[in-house]
Amino acid sequence: MRRAGLQRVAQVSSLASRRNDDMLSVMPAGVVIFPGSGITGNLADKARRLGISVWQAAGDGA
């Protein structure tokens, strides 16, 4: 069971990364980043490398 769980996590991570790449491929004027996972941080890093403005939302949310 544990291996299946790890495979699922890898699949979700891969899908999220592809979705982020798809969003950045249209070269948006900017992205708003909310606190989250490493995938969110990766989106911010990729956007900066592409010269896309990144706005980082601060705080703990609700």
C-alpha atoms as a PDB file:
ATOM      1  CA  MET A   1       0.000   0.000   0.000  1.00  0.00           C
ATOM      2  CA  ARG A   2       2.753   2.475   0.838  1.00  0.00           C
ATOM      3  CA  ARG A   3       4.336   2.124  -2.591  1.00  0.00           C
ATOM      4  CA  ALA A   4       0.998   2.843  -4.291  1.00  0.00           C
ATOM      5  CA  GLY A   5       0.655   5.961  -2.147  1.00  0.00           C
ATOM      6  CA  LEU A   6       4.110   7.180  -3.134  1.00  0.00           C
ATOM      7  CA  GLN A   7       3.348   6.541  -6.807  1.00  0.00           C
ATOM      8  CA  ARG A   8       0.141   8.582  -6.470  1.00  0.00           C
ATOM      9  CA  VAL A   9       2.050  11.479  -4.923  1.00  0.00           C
ATOM     10  CA  ALA A  10       4.532  11.396  -7.809  1.00  0.00           C
ATOM     11  CA  GLN A  11       1.683  11.396 -10.344  1.00  0.00           C
ATOM     12  CA  VAL A  12      -0.017  14.383  -8.722  1.00  0.00           C
ATOM     13  CA  SER A  13       3.277  16.261  -8.542  1.00  0.00           C
ATOM     14  CA  SER A  14       3.963  15.570 -12.210  1.00  0.00           C
ATOM     15  CA  LEU A  15       0.485  16.719 -13.246  1.00  0.00           C
ATOM     16  CA  ALA A  16       0.785  19.903 -11.205  1.00  0.00           C
ATOM     17  CA  SER A  17       4.166  20.675 -12.727  1.00  0.00           C
ATOM     18  CA  ARG A  18       2.792  20.186 -16.253  1.00  0.00           C
ATOM     19  CA  ARG A  19      -0.203  22.381 -15.434  1.00  0.00           C
ATOM     20  CA  ASN A  20       2.132  25.116 -14.198  1.00  0.00           C
ATOM     21  CA  ASP A  21       4.203  24.845 -17.384  1.00  0.00           C
ATOM     22  CA  ASP A  22       1.018  25.138 -19.454  1.00  0.00           C
ATOM     23  CA  MET A  23      -0.012  28.277 -17.558  1.00  0.00           C
ATOM     24  CA  LEU A  24       3.393  29.885 -18.057  1.00  0.00           C
ATOM     25  CA  SER A  25       3.500  28.975 -21.760  1.00  0.00           C
ATOM     26  CA  VAL A  26       1.001  31.759 -22.546  1.00  0.00           C
ATOM     27  CA  MET A  27       3.385  34.307 -20.966  1.00  0.00           C
ATOM     28  CA  PRO A  28       0.992  35.957 -18.500  1.00  0.00           C
ATOM     29  CA  ALA A  29       1.635  39.508 -17.309  1.00  0.00           C
ATOM     30  CA  GLY A  30       2.179  38.095 -13.830  1.00  0.00           C
ATOM     31  CA  VAL A  31       1.366  35.373 -11.343  1.00  0.00           C
ATOM     32  CA  VAL A  32       0.148  35.578  -7.760  1.00  0.00           C
ATOM     33  CA  ILE A  33       1.749  33.006  -5.486  1.00  0.00           C
ATOM     34  CA  PHE A  34       0.089  31.960  -2.235  1.00  0.00           C
ATOM     35  CA  PRO A  35       1.866  29.991   0.498  1.00  0.00           C
ATOM     36  CA  GLY A  36       1.861  26.345  -0.444  1.00  0.00           C
ATOM     37  CA  SER A  37       4.013  23.459  -1.469  1.00  0.00           C
ATOM     38  CA  GLY A  38       7.263  23.080  -3.338  1.00  0.00           C
ATOM     39  CA  ILE A  39       5.242  22.936  -6.540  1.00  0.00           C
ATOM     40  CA  THR A  40       4.064  26.482  -5.864  1.00  0.00           C
ATOM     41  CA  GLY A  41       7.624  27.600  -5.235  1.00  0.00           C
ATOM     42  CA  ASN A  42       8.686  25.942  -8.465  1.00  0.00           C
ATOM     43  CA  LEU A  43       6.012  27.906 -10.347  1.00  0.00           C
ATOM     44  CA  ALA A  44       7.378  31.152  -8.909  1.00  0.00           C
ATOM     45  CA  ASP A  45      10.961  30.224  -9.834  1.00  0.00           C
ATOM     46  CA  LYS A  46      10.012  29.316 -13.407  1.00  0.00           C
ATOM     47  CA  ALA A  47       7.985  32.512 -13.800  1.00  0.00           C
ATOM     48  CA  ARG A  48      10.920  34.641 -12.626  1.00  0.00           C
ATOM     49  CA  ARG A  49      13.291  32.866 -15.042  1.00  0.00           C
ATOM     50  CA  LEU A  50      10.879  33.695 -17.871  1.00  0.00           C
ATOM     51  CA  GLY A  51      10.749  37.356 -16.807  1.00  0.00           C
ATOM     52  CA  ILE A  52       7.147  37.105 -15.584  1.00  0.00           C
ATOM     53  CA  SER A  53       6.242  39.292 -12.602  1.00  0.00           C
ATOM     54  CA  VAL A  54       5.628  37.350  -9.399  1.00  0.00           C
ATOM     55  CA  TRP A  55       3.499  38.690  -6.549  1.00  0.00           C
ATOM     56  CA  GLN A  56       3.959  36.763  -3.316  1.00  0.00           C
ATOM     57  CA  ALA A  57       0.944  36.781  -0.989  1.00  0.00           C
ATOM     58  CA  ALA A  58       2.066  36.869   2.615  1.00  0.00           C
ATOM     59  CA  GLY A  59       0.393  35.634   5.740  1.00  0.00           C
ATOM     60  CA  ASP A  60      -1.134  32.429   6.926  1.00  0.00           C
ATOM     61  CA  GLY A  61      -4.439  32.689   5.104  1.00  0.00           C
ATOM     62  CA  ALA A  62      -7.656  32.619   7.081  1.00  0.00           C
END
